[in-house]
Amino acid sequence: MIARRVAKNTPRRGVARRKRLQHLKQFTIGLTVFLMLAGFGYAFTNYLSESPRFQVTSIRVDGANVLREEAIVALAGFSQNDNVLLSDLDSKQEIIASLPYVRSCEIKRAYPDRIIITIEEREPLAAIQVHNHIYEIDREGVVLRELDLFSRPVGPLVSQVPNLGVVEPGQQLEQPELHRALALWEAFYNAGLHKEVDVSEIIAKEVDSLLMICNDMDYYLHWGRSPFDVQAKRLSILWDQQGIELPCDEFLDLRFDRDLVCR
């Protein structure tokens, strides 16, 4: 019985052995191809990293007006020893975008040997007074830089904004009183009223009660809840008809949906 079983199973063992040899052959071929590709890849990568053809020879900065191009390049850490293909552009974009004056940054490769940095700068709209410090801010309430107390800021000084603590460049201020004051100044400017008077200060103690102080005017403007563009249009019509020298002892009231009233 034992001899018969051995004879009966011998062909099956031969088939299994041939399959194992076939698998081993396929594995050997695959491993050989893999090693060849890996060697080629290593050699190619080594060529790209060391080839002078892809070394950075030119770095261009677009969109820089306030910021110096040299400072941007230095902050990103680019040099002419860097490789255009292998440079980590994402991390360098994040570094540049962290500058208070930068709204956005994009870095692109220009093969074979150039880097192009494109930035969009924030534009100062006004200034804000925080305790004894003056800071330049943009329309989104982002603090751009601290100003000298004797410097003339772009736009008016927004003062008496409540709930302000420590302020630093790059910080975005969220106080609704501040944002209402910025919206007021934009509406006033867009209506062309800034050509008539020199606005020095906007007192923003309350969201729906803003006081605008203008140089060379005996009264101030009291703005309220209505849309600022509507109020500015009414004021423009009044000044066109009567001029800015109105018989107001204290302020011109624009807070309500009725005729403007001197008080």
Foldseek 3Di string as FASTA:
>chain_A
DVVVVCVVCVVVVVVVVVVVVVVVVVVVVVVVVVVVVVVVVVVVVVCQLPPLQFFADEEAEPADDPDDPVVLCVQLPDDRNGGLVPDDQVVSQVRSCQQLQFPGWDWDGDPRHYIYIYTHTADFAEWEDDPPWIFTAGLQQATHGTDDPPDQYHHAYEYQQPDDDDDDHGDHDDRLLVNLVSQLRVLLVVLVVCVQFPWHYWYRNDNFWIWIDTPPAQEIETGGDPRNNVLNVLVVVVCVVPNRHDPANYYWYSHDPDHIDHD
